[in-house]
Amino acid sequence: MPWRVIAHDNQVWHVEAVAERRAHTQAWQLVLTFRAAAERPRGRSLWTLFPLEATSKSALFIQAERIPDAALAQVLSERLGHA
């Protein structure tokens, strides 16, 4: 089950969010993956860092819940090269 479902460019996209912490850092970063819902079984995924970090995973995901769908669509557009 996707974390979010958004519409972009006449297509439905499933969005997943994960937390990543690089070696020797205290901050967790938000990483998003976008997959077109029409691509079955599991089509190509687009991975991107989202400019959001926190000192704990839970704090990161609390902040992530506040990201508007429009902002996710903008990130997807940039990742697809439509910006």
PDB file of N, CA and C in Angstrom:
ATOM      1  N   MET A   1       0.844  -1.176   0.000  1.00  0.00           N
ATOM      2  CA  MET A   1       0.000   0.000   0.000  1.00  0.00           C
ATOM      3  C   MET A   1       0.896   1.248   0.000  1.00  0.00           C
ATOM      4  N   PRO A   2       0.647   2.150  -0.935  1.00  0.00           N
ATOM      5  CA  PRO A   2       1.482   3.352  -1.002  1.00  0.00           C
ATOM      6  C   PRO A   2       1.231   4.292   0.174  1.00  0.00           C
ATOM      7  N   TRP A   3       2.250   5.073   0.474  1.00  0.00           N
ATOM      8  CA  TRP A   3       2.129   6.095   1.505  1.00  0.00           C
ATOM      9  C   TRP A   3       1.184   7.191   1.032  1.00  0.00           C
ATOM     10  N   ARG A   4       1.317   7.580  -0.225  1.00  0.00           N
ATOM     11  CA  ARG A   4       0.446   8.580  -0.847  1.00  0.00           C
ATOM     12  C   ARG A   4       0.159   8.171  -2.277  1.00  0.00           C
ATOM     13  N   VAL A   5      -0.931   8.668  -2.799  1.00  0.00           N
ATOM     14  CA  VAL A   5      -1.277   8.502  -4.205  1.00  0.00           C
ATOM     15  C   VAL A   5      -1.543   9.910  -4.736  1.00  0.00           C
ATOM     16  N   ILE A   6      -0.844  10.263  -5.818  1.00  0.00           N
ATOM     17  CA  ILE A   6      -1.008  11.595  -6.402  1.00  0.00           C
ATOM     18  C   ILE A   6      -1.292  11.466  -7.893  1.00  0.00           C
ATOM     19  N   ALA A   7      -1.834  12.517  -8.448  1.00  0.00           N
ATOM     20  CA  ALA A   7      -2.058  12.593  -9.893  1.00  0.00           C
ATOM     21  C   ALA A   7      -1.073  13.596 -10.470  1.00  0.00           C
ATOM     22  N   HIS A   8      -0.492  13.215 -11.590  1.00  0.00           N
ATOM     23  CA  HIS A   8       0.433  14.119 -12.275  1.00  0.00           C
ATOM     24  C   HIS A   8       0.442  13.767 -13.752  1.00  0.00           C
ATOM     25  N   ASP A   9       0.252  14.763 -14.586  1.00  0.00           N
ATOM     26  CA  ASP A   9       0.363  14.601 -16.033  1.00  0.00           C
ATOM     27  C   ASP A   9      -0.565  13.479 -16.541  1.00  0.00           C
ATOM     28  N   ASN A  10      -1.826  13.528 -16.083  1.00  0.00           N
ATOM     29  CA  ASN A  10      -2.854  12.556 -16.476  1.00  0.00           C
ATOM     30  C   ASN A  10      -2.497  11.120 -16.115  1.00  0.00           C
ATOM     31  N   GLN A  11      -1.740  10.951 -15.045  1.00  0.00           N
ATOM     32  CA  GLN A  11      -1.344   9.621 -14.602  1.00  0.00           C
ATOM     33  C   GLN A  11      -1.406   9.572 -13.072  1.00  0.00           C
ATOM     34  N   VAL A  12      -1.702   8.408 -12.540  1.00  0.00           N
ATOM     35  CA  VAL A  12      -1.728   8.208 -11.093  1.00  0.00           C
ATOM     36  C   VAL A  12      -0.377   7.627 -10.674  1.00  0.00           C
ATOM     37  N   TRP A  13       0.182   8.192  -9.612  1.00  0.00           N
ATOM     38  CA  TRP A  13       1.488   7.765  -9.108  1.00  0.00           C
ATOM     39  C   TRP A  13       1.378   7.328  -7.654  1.00  0.00           C
ATOM     40  N   HIS A  14       2.051   6.243  -7.327  1.00  0.00           N
ATOM     41  CA  HIS A  14       2.165   5.792  -5.944  1.00  0.00           C
ATOM     42  C   HIS A  14       3.474   6.338  -5.385  1.00  0.00           C
ATOM     43  N   VAL A  15       3.393   6.895  -4.197  1.00  0.00           N
ATOM     44  CA  VAL A  15       4.556   7.498  -3.556  1.00  0.00           C
ATOM     45  C   VAL A  15       4.862   6.717  -2.276  1.00  0.00           C
ATOM     46  N   GLU A  16       6.112   6.358  -2.100  1.00  0.00           N
ATOM     47  CA  GLU A  16       6.591   5.730  -0.868  1.00  0.00           C
ATOM     48  C   GLU A  16       7.613   6.663  -0.237  1.00  0.00           C
ATOM     49  N   ALA A  17       7.668   6.651   1.071  1.00  0.00           N
ATOM     50  CA  ALA A  17       8.628   7.490   1.797  1.00  0.00           C
ATOM     51  C   ALA A  17       9.465   6.604   2.715  1.00  0.00           C
ATOM     52  N   VAL A  18      10.763   6.818   2.689  1.00  0.00           N
ATOM     53  CA  VAL A  18      11.669   6.090   3.573  1.00  0.00           C
ATOM     54  C   VAL A  18      12.623   7.084   4.218  1.00  0.00           C
ATOM     55  N   ALA A  19      13.183   6.677   5.343  1.00  0.00           N
ATOM     56  CA  ALA A  19      14.168   7.503   6.040  1.00  0.00           C
ATOM     57  C   ALA A  19      15.553   6.920   5.801  1.00  0.00           C
ATOM     58  N   GLU A  20      16.493   7.790   5.541  1.00  0.00           N
ATOM     59  CA  GLU A  20      17.872   7.374   5.309  1.00  0.00           C
ATOM     60  C   GLU A  20      18.795   8.218   6.166  1.00  0.00           C
ATOM     61  N   ARG A  21      19.758   7.568   6.789  1.00  0.00           N
ATOM     62  CA  ARG A  21      20.770   8.309   7.552  1.00  0.00           C
ATOM     63  C   ARG A  21      22.137   7.877   7.040  1.00  0.00           C
ATOM     64  N   ARG A  22      22.874   8.837   6.575  1.00  0.00           N
ATOM     65  CA  ARG A  22      24.210   8.556   6.056  1.00  0.00           C
ATOM     66  C   ARG A  22      25.191   8.375   7.206  1.00  0.00           C
ATOM     67  N   ALA A  23      26.253   7.652   6.932  1.00  0.00           N
ATOM     68  CA  ALA A  23      27.277   7.392   7.941  1.00  0.00           C
ATOM     69  C   ALA A  23      27.818   8.701   8.513  1.00  0.00           C
ATOM     70  N   HIS A  24      28.050   8.701   9.800  1.00  0.00           N
ATOM     71  CA  HIS A  24      28.655   9.816  10.517  1.00  0.00           C
ATOM     72  C   HIS A  24      27.785  11.074  10.545  1.00  0.00           C
ATOM     73  N   THR A  25      26.480  10.907  10.423  1.00  0.00           N
ATOM     74  CA  THR A  25      25.570  12.041  10.545  1.00  0.00           C
ATOM     75  C   THR A  25      24.493  11.705  11.568  1.00  0.00           C
ATOM     76  N   GLN A  26      23.904  12.721  12.137  1.00  0.00           N
ATOM     77  CA  GLN A  26      22.832  12.539  13.109  1.00  0.00           C
ATOM     78  C   GLN A  26      21.452  12.690  12.493  1.00  0.00           C
ATOM     79  N   ALA A  27      21.383  13.318  11.339  1.00  0.00           N
ATOM     80  CA  ALA A  27      20.086  13.646  10.734  1.00  0.00           C
ATOM     81  C   ALA A  27      19.600  12.532   9.805  1.00  0.00           C
ATOM     82  N   TRP A  28      18.303  12.271   9.909  1.00  0.00           N
ATOM     83  CA  TRP A  28      17.616  11.382   8.977  1.00  0.00           C
ATOM     84  C   TRP A  28      17.089  12.234   7.831  1.00  0.00           C
ATOM     85  N   GLN A  29      17.211  11.740   6.598  1.00  0.00           N
ATOM     86  CA  GLN A  29      16.727  12.449   5.426  1.00  0.00           C
ATOM     87  C   GLN A  29      15.552  11.686   4.831  1.00  0.00           C
ATOM     88  N   LEU A  30      14.631  12.417   4.232  1.00  0.00           N
ATOM     89  CA  LEU A  30      13.479  11.804   3.594  1.00  0.00           C
ATOM     90  C   LEU A  30      13.820  11.462   2.144  1.00  0.00           C
ATOM     91  N   VAL A  31      13.575  10.214   1.782  1.00  0.00           N
ATOM     92  CA  VAL A  31      13.777   9.745   0.418  1.00  0.00           C
ATOM     93  C   VAL A  31      12.410   9.295  -0.103  1.00  0.00           C
ATOM     94  N   LEU A  32      12.053   9.758  -1.287  1.00  0.00           N
ATOM     95  CA  LEU A  32      10.773   9.402  -1.890  1.00  0.00           C
ATOM     96  C   LEU A  32      10.996   8.538  -3.117  1.00  0.00           C
ATOM     97  N   THR A  33      10.082   7.619  -3.324  1.00  0.00           N
ATOM     98  CA  THR A  33      10.084   6.848  -4.563  1.00  0.00           C
ATOM     99  C   THR A  33       8.717   6.997  -5.207  1.00  0.00           C
ATOM    100  N   PHE A  34       8.732   7.235  -6.498  1.00  0.00           N
ATOM    101  CA  PHE A  34       7.509   7.417  -7.287  1.00  0.00           C
ATOM    102  C   PHE A  34       7.412   6.274  -8.291  1.00  0.00           C
ATOM    103  N   ARG A  35       6.224   5.679  -8.399  1.00  0.00           N
ATOM    104  CA  ARG A  35       5.989   4.603  -9.357  1.00  0.00           C
ATOM    105  C   ARG A  35       4.619   4.818  -9.988  1.00  0.00           C
ATOM    106  N   ALA A  36       4.562   4.795 -11.305  1.00  0.00           N
ATOM    107  CA  ALA A  36       3.282   4.952 -11.998  1.00  0.00           C
ATOM    108  C   ALA A  36       2.379   3.779 -11.625  1.00  0.00           C
ATOM    109  N   ALA A  37       1.149   4.075 -11.222  1.00  0.00           N
ATOM    110  CA  ALA A  37       0.217   3.036 -10.780  1.00  0.00           C
ATOM    111  C   ALA A  37      -0.130   2.076 -11.908  1.00  0.00           C
ATOM    112  N   ALA A  38      -0.112   2.548 -13.148  1.00  0.00           N
ATOM    113  CA  ALA A  38      -0.475   1.717 -14.289  1.00  0.00           C
ATOM    114  C   ALA A  38       0.602   0.695 -14.635  1.00  0.00           C
ATOM    115  N   GLU A  39       1.795   0.877 -14.152  1.00  0.00           N
ATOM    116  CA  GLU A  39       2.904  -0.027 -14.467  1.00  0.00           C
ATOM    117  C   GLU A  39       2.851  -1.228 -13.532  1.00  0.00           C
ATOM    118  N   ARG A  40       2.433  -2.345 -14.058  1.00  0.00           N
ATOM    119  CA  ARG A  40       2.339  -3.574 -13.276  1.00  0.00           C
ATOM    120  C   ARG A  40       3.218  -4.628 -13.920  1.00  0.00           C
ATOM    121  N   PRO A  41       3.790  -5.570 -13.179  1.00  0.00           N
ATOM    122  CA  PRO A  41       3.691  -5.652 -11.732  1.00  0.00           C
ATOM    123  C   PRO A  41       4.393  -4.505 -11.040  1.00  0.00           C
ATOM    124  N   ARG A  42       5.663  -4.380 -11.112  1.00  0.00           N
ATOM    125  CA  ARG A  42       6.340  -3.247 -10.509  1.00  0.00           C
ATOM    126  C   ARG A  42       7.206  -2.615 -11.574  1.00  0.00           C
ATOM    127  N   GLY A  43       6.726  -1.466 -12.027  1.00  0.00           N
ATOM    128  CA  GLY A  43       7.450  -0.760 -13.071  1.00  0.00           C
ATOM    129  C   GLY A  43       8.646  -0.013 -12.520  1.00  0.00           C
ATOM    130  N   ARG A  44       9.160   0.823 -13.335  1.00  0.00           N
ATOM    131  CA  ARG A  44      10.335   1.615 -12.985  1.00  0.00           C
ATOM    132  C   ARG A  44      10.003   2.568 -11.838  1.00  0.00           C
ATOM    133  N   SER A  45      10.942   2.725 -10.942  1.00  0.00           N
ATOM    134  CA  SER A  45      10.791   3.633  -9.806  1.00  0.00           C
ATOM    135  C   SER A  45      11.719   4.820  -9.972  1.00  0.00           C
ATOM    136  N   LEU A  46      11.242   5.974  -9.562  1.00  0.00           N
ATOM    137  CA  LEU A  46      12.061   7.182  -9.542  1.00  0.00           C
ATOM    138  C   LEU A  46      12.338   7.524  -8.087  1.00  0.00           C
ATOM    139  N   TRP A  47      13.596   7.518  -7.707  1.00  0.00           N
ATOM    140  CA  TRP A  47      13.994   7.814  -6.334  1.00  0.00           C
ATOM    141  C   TRP A  47      14.560   9.224  -6.270  1.00  0.00           C
ATOM    142  N   THR A  48      14.252   9.932  -5.174  1.00  0.00           N
ATOM    143  CA  THR A  48      14.790  11.278  -5.009  1.00  0.00           C
ATOM    144  C   THR A  48      14.823  11.665  -3.532  1.00  0.00           C
ATOM    145  N   LEU A  49      15.832  12.430  -3.174  1.00  0.00           N
ATOM    146  CA  LEU A  49      15.881  13.007  -1.830  1.00  0.00           C
ATOM    147  C   LEU A  49      14.913  14.181  -1.763  1.00  0.00           C
ATOM    148  N   PHE A  50      14.188  14.281  -0.679  1.00  0.00           N
ATOM    149  CA  PHE A  50      13.313  15.422  -0.459  1.00  0.00           C
ATOM    150  C   PHE A  50      13.998  16.304   0.578  1.00  0.00           C
ATOM    151  N   PRO A  51      13.992  17.619   0.432  1.00  0.00           N
ATOM    152  CA  PRO A  51      14.726  18.510   1.343  1.00  0.00           C
ATOM    153  C   PRO A  51      14.062  18.609   2.724  1.00  0.00           C
ATOM    154  N   LEU A  52      14.135  17.508   3.446  1.00  0.00           N
ATOM    155  CA  LEU A  52      13.549  17.444   4.778  1.00  0.00           C
ATOM    156  C   LEU A  52      14.414  16.516   5.609  1.00  0.00           C
ATOM    157  N   GLU A  53      14.793  16.956   6.794  1.00  0.00           N
ATOM    158  CA  GLU A  53      15.560  16.096   7.688  1.00  0.00           C
ATOM    159  C   GLU A  53      15.179  16.344   9.133  1.00  0.00           C
ATOM    160  N   ALA A  54      15.487  15.341   9.966  1.00  0.00           N
ATOM    161  CA  ALA A  54      15.167  15.419  11.391  1.00  0.00           C
ATOM    162  C   ALA A  54      16.127  14.510  12.145  1.00  0.00           C
ATOM    163  N   THR A  55      16.165  14.685  13.457  1.00  0.00           N
ATOM    164  CA  THR A  55      17.076  13.884  14.270  1.00  0.00           C
ATOM    165  C   THR A  55      16.512  12.526  14.643  1.00  0.00           C
ATOM    166  N   SER A  56      15.231  12.277  14.333  1.00  0.00           N
ATOM    167  CA  SER A  56      14.651  10.955  14.564  1.00  0.00           C
ATOM    168  C   SER A  56      13.751  10.597  13.384  1.00  0.00           C
ATOM    169  N   LYS A  57      13.582   9.298  13.181  1.00  0.00           N
ATOM    170  CA  LYS A  57      12.702   8.852  12.094  1.00  0.00           C
ATOM    171  C   LYS A  57      11.277   9.317  12.330  1.00  0.00           C
ATOM    172  N   SER A  58      10.818   9.197  13.560  1.00  0.00           N
ATOM    173  CA  SER A  58       9.427   9.573  13.831  1.00  0.00           C
ATOM    174  C   SER A  58       9.188  11.056  13.563  1.00  0.00           C
ATOM    175  N   ALA A  59      10.135  11.907  13.957  1.00  0.00           N
ATOM    176  CA  ALA A  59      10.000  13.342  13.687  1.00  0.00           C
ATOM    177  C   ALA A  59      10.017  13.610  12.183  1.00  0.00           C
ATOM    178  N   LEU A  60      10.822  12.854  11.459  1.00  0.00           N
ATOM    179  CA  LEU A  60      10.891  13.018  10.009  1.00  0.00           C
ATOM    180  C   LEU A  60       9.549  12.667   9.366  1.00  0.00           C
ATOM    181  N   PHE A  61       8.956  11.553   9.770  1.00  0.00           N
ATOM    182  CA  PHE A  61       7.690  11.142   9.173  1.00  0.00           C
ATOM    183  C   PHE A  61       6.531  12.035   9.594  1.00  0.00           C
ATOM    184  N   ILE A  62       6.602  12.602  10.775  1.00  0.00           N
ATOM    185  CA  ILE A  62       5.577  13.574  11.198  1.00  0.00           C
ATOM    186  C   ILE A  62       5.630  14.795  10.277  1.00  0.00           C
ATOM    187  N   GLN A  63       6.842  15.267  10.001  1.00  0.00           N
ATOM    188  CA  GLN A  63       6.993  16.395   9.081  1.00  0.00           C
ATOM    189  C   GLN A  63       6.541  16.023   7.666  1.00  0.00           C
ATOM    190  N   ALA A  64       6.853  14.797   7.254  1.00  0.00           N
ATOM    191  CA  ALA A  64       6.503  14.348   5.908  1.00  0.00           C
ATOM    192  C   ALA A  64       4.988  14.330   5.695  1.00  0.00           C
ATOM    193  N   GLU A  65       4.240  14.027   6.733  1.00  0.00           N
ATOM    194  CA  GLU A  65       2.781  13.995   6.619  1.00  0.00           C
ATOM    195  C   GLU A  65       2.210  15.368   6.243  1.00  0.00           C
ATOM    196  N   ARG A  66       2.954  16.425   6.517  1.00  0.00           N
ATOM    197  CA  ARG A  66       2.503  17.789   6.232  1.00  0.00           C
ATOM    198  C   ARG A  66       2.832  18.243   4.810  1.00  0.00           C
ATOM    199  N   ILE A  67       3.530  17.424   4.055  1.00  0.00           N
ATOM    200  CA  ILE A  67       3.892  17.806   2.691  1.00  0.00           C
ATOM    201  C   ILE A  67       2.632  17.750   1.837  1.00  0.00           C
ATOM    202  N   PRO A  68       2.270  18.858   1.196  1.00  0.00           N
ATOM    203  CA  PRO A  68       1.076  18.844   0.338  1.00  0.00           C
ATOM    204  C   PRO A  68       1.314  18.013  -0.930  1.00  0.00           C
ATOM    205  N   ASP A  69       0.247  17.443  -1.446  1.00  0.00           N
ATOM    206  CA  ASP A  69       0.341  16.660  -2.685  1.00  0.00           C
ATOM    207  C   ASP A  69       0.927  17.484  -3.828  1.00  0.00           C
ATOM    208  N   ALA A  70       0.623  18.770  -3.860  1.00  0.00           N
ATOM    209  CA  ALA A  70       1.154  19.638  -4.915  1.00  0.00           C
ATOM    210  C   ALA A  70       2.682  19.691  -4.870  1.00  0.00           C
ATOM    211  N   ALA A  71       3.252  19.677  -3.683  1.00  0.00           N
ATOM    212  CA  ALA A  71       4.710  19.690  -3.554  1.00  0.00           C
ATOM    213  C   ALA A  71       5.304  18.369  -4.045  1.00  0.00           C
ATOM    214  N   LEU A  72       4.625  17.270  -3.754  1.00  0.00           N
ATOM    215  CA  LEU A  72       5.086  15.970  -4.248  1.00  0.00           C
ATOM    216  C   LEU A  72       5.016  15.926  -5.774  1.00  0.00           C
ATOM    217  N   ALA A  73       3.937  16.449  -6.334  1.00  0.00           N
ATOM    218  CA  ALA A  73       3.794  16.488  -7.795  1.00  0.00           C
ATOM    219  C   ALA A  73       4.886  17.347  -8.425  1.00  0.00           C
ATOM    220  N   GLN A  74       5.264  18.440  -7.769  1.00  0.00           N
ATOM    221  CA  GLN A  74       6.329  19.305  -8.276  1.00  0.00           C
ATOM    222  C   GLN A  74       7.670  18.566  -8.284  1.00  0.00           C
ATOM    223  N   VAL A  75       7.951  17.833  -7.208  1.00  0.00           N
ATOM    224  CA  VAL A  75       9.191  17.050  -7.145  1.00  0.00           C
ATOM    225  C   VAL A  75       9.200  15.998  -8.253  1.00  0.00           C
ATOM    226  N   LEU A  76       8.076  15.333  -8.449  1.00  0.00           N
ATOM    227  CA  LEU A  76       7.964  14.337  -9.514  1.00  0.00           C
ATOM    228  C   LEU A  76       8.192  14.981 -10.882  1.00  0.00           C
ATOM    229  N   SER A  77       7.587  16.121 -11.105  1.00  0.00           N
ATOM    230  CA  SER A  77       7.751  16.834 -12.376  1.00  0.00           C
ATOM    231  C   SER A  77       9.219  17.164 -12.629  1.00  0.00           C
ATOM    232  N   GLU A  78       9.905  17.643 -11.604  1.00  0.00           N
ATOM    233  CA  GLU A  78      11.325  17.964 -11.738  1.00  0.00           C
ATOM    234  C   GLU A  78      12.137  16.706 -12.035  1.00  0.00           C
ATOM    235  N   ARG A  79      11.790  15.614 -11.359  1.00  0.00           N
ATOM    236  CA  ARG A  79      12.502  14.348 -11.548  1.00  0.00           C
ATOM    237  C   ARG A  79      12.290  13.796 -12.953  1.00  0.00           C
ATOM    238  N   LEU A  80      11.099  14.040 -13.498  1.00  0.00           N
ATOM    239  CA  LEU A  80      10.804  13.590 -14.869  1.00  0.00           C
ATOM    240  C   LEU A  80      11.364  14.530 -15.928  1.00  0.00           C
ATOM    241  N   GLY A  81      11.860  15.688 -15.474  1.00  0.00           N
ATOM    242  CA  GLY A  81      12.429  16.651 -16.412  1.00  0.00           C
ATOM    243  C   GLY A  81      11.404  17.568 -17.037  1.00  0.00           C
ATOM    244  N   HIS A  82      10.248  17.716 -16.380  1.00  0.00           N
ATOM    245  CA  HIS A  82       9.188  18.594 -16.912  1.00  0.00           C
ATOM    246  C   HIS A  82       9.214  19.986 -16.300  1.00  0.00           C
ATOM    247  N   ALA A  83      10.157  20.256 -15.460  1.00  0.00           N
ATOM    248  CA  ALA A  83      10.158  21.560 -14.764  1.00  0.00           C
ATOM    249  C   ALA A  83      10.603  22.669 -15.670  1.00  0.00           C
TER     250      ALA A  83
END
